[in-house]
C-alpha atoms as a PDB file:
ATOM      1  CA  UNK A   1      91.522 -63.775 110.635  1.00  0.00           C
ATOM      2  CA  UNK A   2      90.395 -62.752 107.364  1.00  0.00           C
ATOM      3  CA  UNK A   3      92.297 -64.049 104.139  1.00  0.00           C
ATOM      4  CA  UNK A   4      94.528 -62.161 101.866  1.00  0.00           C
ATOM      5  CA  UNK A   5      92.120 -61.518  98.908  1.00  0.00           C
ATOM      6  CA  UNK A   6      94.987 -60.586  96.465  1.00  0.00           C
ATOM      7  CA  UNK A   7      96.331 -64.183  96.840  1.00  0.00           C
ATOM      8  CA  UNK A   8      92.905 -65.663  96.057  1.00  0.00           C
ATOM      9  CA  UNK A   9      92.448 -63.422  92.984  1.00  0.00           C
ATOM     10  CA  UNK A  10      95.993 -64.328  91.797  1.00  0.00           C
ATOM     11  CA  UNK A  11      95.339 -67.970  92.439  1.00  0.00           C
ATOM     12  CA  UNK A  12      91.948 -68.004  90.539  1.00  0.00           C
ATOM     13  CA  UNK A  13      93.412 -66.080  87.611  1.00  0.00           C
ATOM     14  CA  UNK A  14      96.172 -68.760  87.294  1.00  0.00           C
ATOM     15  CA  UNK A  15      93.599 -71.521  87.563  1.00  0.00           C
ATOM     16  CA  UNK A  16      91.874 -69.843  84.581  1.00  0.00           C
ATOM     17  CA  UNK A  17      95.024 -69.721  82.535  1.00  0.00           C
ATOM     18  CA  UNK A  18      95.164 -65.914  82.842  1.00  0.00           C
ATOM     19  CA  UNK A  19      98.272 -63.755  83.855  1.00  0.00           C
ATOM     20  CA  UNK A  20      98.592 -63.595  87.717  1.00  0.00           C
ATOM     21  CA  UNK A  21      97.372 -60.000  87.762  1.00  0.00           C
ATOM     22  CA  UNK A  22      95.264 -57.721  85.531  1.00  0.00           C
ATOM     23  CA  UNK A  23      96.386 -54.107  85.149  1.00  0.00           C
ATOM     24  CA  UNK A  24      96.984 -52.195  88.424  1.00  0.00           C
ATOM     25  CA  UNK A  25      93.570 -50.429  88.410  1.00  0.00           C
ATOM     26  CA  UNK A  26      91.611 -53.642  87.724  1.00  0.00           C
ATOM     27  CA  UNK A  27      93.639 -55.536  90.251  1.00  0.00           C
ATOM     28  CA  UNK A  28      93.054 -52.981  92.846  1.00  0.00           C
ATOM     29  CA  UNK A  29      89.375 -52.733  92.221  1.00  0.00           C
ATOM     30  CA  UNK A  30      88.941 -56.519  92.416  1.00  0.00           C
ATOM     31  CA  UNK A  31      90.916 -56.657  95.726  1.00  0.00           C
ATOM     32  CA  UNK A  32      88.873 -53.784  97.028  1.00  0.00           C
ATOM     33  CA  UNK A  33      85.577 -55.365  96.289  1.00  0.00           C
ATOM     34  CA  UNK A  34      86.655 -58.646  97.839  1.00  0.00           C
ATOM     35  CA  UNK A  35      88.078 -56.823 100.851  1.00  0.00           C
ATOM     36  CA  UNK A  36      84.868 -54.837 101.432  1.00  0.00           C
ATOM     37  CA  UNK A  37      82.712 -58.019 101.167  1.00  0.00           C
ATOM     38  CA  UNK A  38      84.908 -59.623 103.772  1.00  0.00           C
ATOM     39  CA  UNK A  39      84.646 -56.598 106.078  1.00  0.00           C
ATOM     40  CA  UNK A  40      80.975 -56.448 105.710  1.00  0.00           C
ATOM     41  CA  UNK A  41      80.710 -60.220 106.545  1.00  0.00           C
ATOM     42  CA  UNK A  42      82.524 -59.618 109.855  1.00  0.00           C
ATOM     43  CA  UNK A  43      80.760 -56.338 110.648  1.00  0.00           C
ATOM     44  CA  UNK A  44      78.741 -56.389 114.044  1.00  0.00           C
ATOM     45  CA  UNK A  45      80.060 -60.030 115.052  1.00  0.00           C
ATOM     46  CA  UNK A  46      81.939 -58.590 117.985  1.00  0.00           C
ATOM     47  CA  UNK A  47      85.591 -58.981 118.779  1.00  0.00           C
ATOM     48  CA  UNK A  48      88.608 -58.036 116.787  1.00  0.00           C
ATOM     49  CA  UNK A  49      89.091 -59.228 113.300  1.00  0.00           C
ATOM     50  CA  UNK A  50      92.544 -59.293 111.767  1.00  0.00           C
ATOM     51  CA  UNK A  51      93.042 -58.740 107.949  1.00  0.00           C
ATOM     52  CA  UNK A  52      95.997 -59.954 106.095  1.00  0.00           C
ATOM     53  CA  UNK A  53      96.077 -56.903 103.860  1.00  0.00           C
ATOM     54  CA  UNK A  54      92.840 -55.310 104.608  1.00  0.00           C
ATOM     55  CA  UNK A  55      90.833 -52.831 102.547  1.00  0.00           C
ATOM     56  CA  UNK A  56      92.920 -49.915 103.759  1.00  0.00           C
ATOM     57  CA  UNK A  57      95.982 -51.290 101.998  1.00  0.00           C
ATOM     58  CA  UNK A  58      94.047 -51.514  98.717  1.00  0.00           C
ATOM     59  CA  UNK A  59      92.788 -48.013  99.101  1.00  0.00           C
ATOM     60  CA  UNK A  60      96.302 -47.087  98.947  1.00  0.00           C
ATOM     61  CA  UNK A  61      96.711 -48.984  95.829  1.00  0.00           C
ATOM     62  CA  UNK A  62      93.711 -47.170  94.274  1.00  0.00           C
ATOM     63  CA  UNK A  63      95.214 -43.848  95.417  1.00  0.00           C
ATOM     64  CA  UNK A  64      98.448 -44.647  93.826  1.00  0.00           C
ATOM     65  CA  UNK A  65      96.885 -45.127  90.419  1.00  0.00           C
ATOM     66  CA  UNK A  66      94.867 -41.996  90.696  1.00  0.00           C
ATOM     67  CA  UNK A  67      91.444 -43.797  91.163  1.00  0.00           C
ATOM     68  CA  UNK A  68      90.469 -42.176  94.443  1.00  0.00           C
ATOM     69  CA  UNK A  69      91.134 -38.956  96.254  1.00  0.00           C
ATOM     70  CA  UNK A  70      92.206 -38.408  99.781  1.00  0.00           C
ATOM     71  CA  UNK A  71      88.580 -37.062 100.625  1.00  0.00           C
ATOM     72  CA  UNK A  72      87.148 -40.237  98.949  1.00  0.00           C
ATOM     73  CA  UNK A  73      89.617 -42.403 100.889  1.00  0.00           C
ATOM     74  CA  UNK A  74      88.623 -40.827 104.191  1.00  0.00           C
ATOM     75  CA  UNK A  75      84.926 -41.294 103.344  1.00  0.00           C
ATOM     76  CA  UNK A  76      85.674 -45.050 102.855  1.00  0.00           C
ATOM     77  CA  UNK A  77      87.302 -45.257 106.276  1.00  0.00           C
ATOM     78  CA  UNK A  78      84.426 -43.550 107.879  1.00  0.00           C
ATOM     79  CA  UNK A  79      82.034 -45.989 106.232  1.00  0.00           C
ATOM     80  CA  UNK A  80      84.021 -48.918 107.432  1.00  0.00           C
ATOM     81  CA  UNK A  81      85.975 -47.875 110.439  1.00  0.00           C
ATOM     82  CA  UNK A  82      89.069 -49.641 111.728  1.00  0.00           C
ATOM     83  CA  UNK A  83      91.364 -49.383 114.660  1.00  0.00           C
ATOM     84  CA  UNK A  84      93.764 -46.374 114.235  1.00  0.00           C
ATOM     85  CA  UNK A  85      96.580 -48.746 114.972  1.00  0.00           C
ATOM     86  CA  UNK A  86      97.685 -50.778 112.033  1.00  0.00           C
ATOM     87  CA  UNK A  87      99.938 -53.780 112.486  1.00  0.00           C
ATOM     88  CA  UNK A  88     102.966 -53.510 110.168  1.00  0.00           C
ATOM     89  CA  UNK A  89     105.158 -56.615 109.516  1.00  0.00           C
ATOM     90  CA  UNK A  90     108.441 -55.226 108.151  1.00  0.00           C
ATOM     91  CA  UNK A  91     109.768 -57.435 105.345  1.00  0.00           C
ATOM     92  CA  UNK A  92     112.125 -60.116 106.852  1.00  0.00           C
ATOM     93  CA  UNK A  93     114.742 -61.437 104.351  1.00  0.00           C
ATOM     94  CA  UNK A  94     115.510 -64.667 106.499  1.00  0.00           C
ATOM     95  CA  UNK A  95     111.866 -65.856 106.048  1.00  0.00           C
ATOM     96  CA  UNK A  96     110.808 -64.182 102.809  1.00  0.00           C
ATOM     97  CA  UNK A  97     109.945 -66.821 100.141  1.00  0.00           C
ATOM     98  CA  UNK A  98     108.375 -66.486  96.613  1.00  0.00           C
ATOM     99  CA  UNK A  99     105.490 -68.821  95.700  1.00  0.00           C
ATOM    100  CA  UNK A 100     102.845 -69.030  93.143  1.00  0.00           C
ATOM    101  CA  UNK A 101     101.027 -65.983  94.466  1.00  0.00           C
ATOM    102  CA  UNK A 102     103.858 -63.878  95.891  1.00  0.00           C
ATOM    103  CA  UNK A 103     106.116 -63.273  92.802  1.00  0.00           C
ATOM    104  CA  UNK A 104     107.663 -60.026  94.111  1.00  0.00           C
ATOM    105  CA  UNK A 105     111.240 -59.797  94.722  1.00  0.00           C
ATOM    106  CA  UNK A 106     112.270 -59.143  98.326  1.00  0.00           C
ATOM    107  CA  UNK A 107     113.385 -55.568  97.207  1.00  0.00           C
ATOM    108  CA  UNK A 108     109.812 -54.957  95.713  1.00  0.00           C
ATOM    109  CA  UNK A 109     108.369 -56.281  99.030  1.00  0.00           C
ATOM    110  CA  UNK A 110     110.463 -53.640 100.936  1.00  0.00           C
ATOM    111  CA  UNK A 111     109.282 -50.851  98.583  1.00  0.00           C
ATOM    112  CA  UNK A 112     105.547 -51.740  98.901  1.00  0.00           C
ATOM    113  CA  UNK A 113     105.813 -52.277 102.651  1.00  0.00           C
ATOM    114  CA  UNK A 114     107.197 -48.866 103.138  1.00  0.00           C
ATOM    115  CA  UNK A 115     104.667 -47.251 100.812  1.00  0.00           C
ATOM    116  CA  UNK A 116     101.845 -48.954 102.709  1.00  0.00           C
ATOM    117  CA  UNK A 117     103.208 -47.827 106.009  1.00  0.00           C
ATOM    118  CA  UNK A 118     103.650 -44.206 104.774  1.00  0.00           C
ATOM    119  CA  UNK A 119     100.224 -44.329 103.331  1.00  0.00           C
ATOM    120  CA  UNK A 120      98.550 -45.103 106.731  1.00  0.00           C
ATOM    121  CA  UNK A 121     100.854 -42.523 108.505  1.00  0.00           C
ATOM    122  CA  UNK A 122      99.664 -39.831 106.052  1.00  0.00           C
ATOM    123  CA  UNK A 123      96.009 -40.602 106.895  1.00  0.00           C
ATOM    124  CA  UNK A 124      96.621 -40.401 110.632  1.00  0.00           C
ATOM    125  CA  UNK A 125      96.867 -44.099 111.438  1.00  0.00           C
ATOM    126  CA  UNK A 126      99.583 -45.450 113.765  1.00  0.00           C
ATOM    127  CA  UNK A 127     101.685 -48.328 112.150  1.00  0.00           C
ATOM    128  CA  UNK A 128     102.961 -50.618 114.827  1.00  0.00           C
ATOM    129  CA  UNK A 129     105.801 -52.707 113.808  1.00  0.00           C
ATOM    130  CA  UNK A 130     105.571 -56.424 114.919  1.00  0.00           C
ATOM    131  CA  UNK A 131     109.046 -57.445 115.704  1.00  0.00           C
ATOM    132  CA  UNK A 132     110.792 -60.364 114.122  1.00  0.00           C
ATOM    133  CA  UNK A 133     110.512 -63.557 116.205  1.00  0.00           C
ATOM    134  CA  UNK A 134     108.853 -66.910 116.259  1.00  0.00           C
ATOM    135  CA  UNK A 135     105.209 -67.181 115.409  1.00  0.00           C
ATOM    136  CA  UNK A 136     104.381 -67.493 119.017  1.00  0.00           C
ATOM    137  CA  UNK A 137     106.318 -64.510 119.997  1.00  0.00           C
ATOM    138  CA  UNK A 138     104.713 -62.363 117.277  1.00  0.00           C
ATOM    139  CA  UNK A 139     101.190 -63.708 118.199  1.00  0.00           C
ATOM    140  CA  UNK A 140     101.842 -62.832 121.852  1.00  0.00           C
ATOM    141  CA  UNK A 141     102.893 -59.291 120.946  1.00  0.00           C
ATOM    142  CA  UNK A 142      99.686 -58.826 118.830  1.00  0.00           C
ATOM    143  CA  UNK A 143      97.480 -60.111 121.639  1.00  0.00           C
ATOM    144  CA  UNK A 144      99.243 -57.876 124.123  1.00  0.00           C
ATOM    145  CA  UNK A 145      98.596 -54.872 121.974  1.00  0.00           C
ATOM    146  CA  UNK A 146      94.896 -55.709 121.500  1.00  0.00           C
ATOM    147  CA  UNK A 147      94.262 -56.446 125.189  1.00  0.00           C
ATOM    148  CA  UNK A 148      96.000 -53.154 126.109  1.00  0.00           C
ATOM    149  CA  UNK A 149      93.363 -51.338 124.074  1.00  0.00           C
END
């Protein structure tokens, strides 16, 4: 499992006494650079790698701020392929909690989650919703999906 680079960036900025996030473009670029390094670190090692907000999500952020075109985005995906199925965890109000790095409201999380899901669909990916349930139930559902190919 690869870590959520946005959380690491926010944590580091807070430690430095900075605002949690730079502007949208700078934040998206920093996340993209970290996510690409993480992808490249795992490339060729075999077996599936799960990303908590992988580089595809941040390409959506870059597209949203007008920093990449659809053509450039598809070129990025060709250079760093990923499964056409994208796990999607719908926001779950019963367990949603804000913390030092997650300062979005639940309503904002719903908006962002929908935008990310729509982004992947528009690019031909298949978002697969992971049902609410215990961590064990969710892990089993994910493993079943991976093992089914």
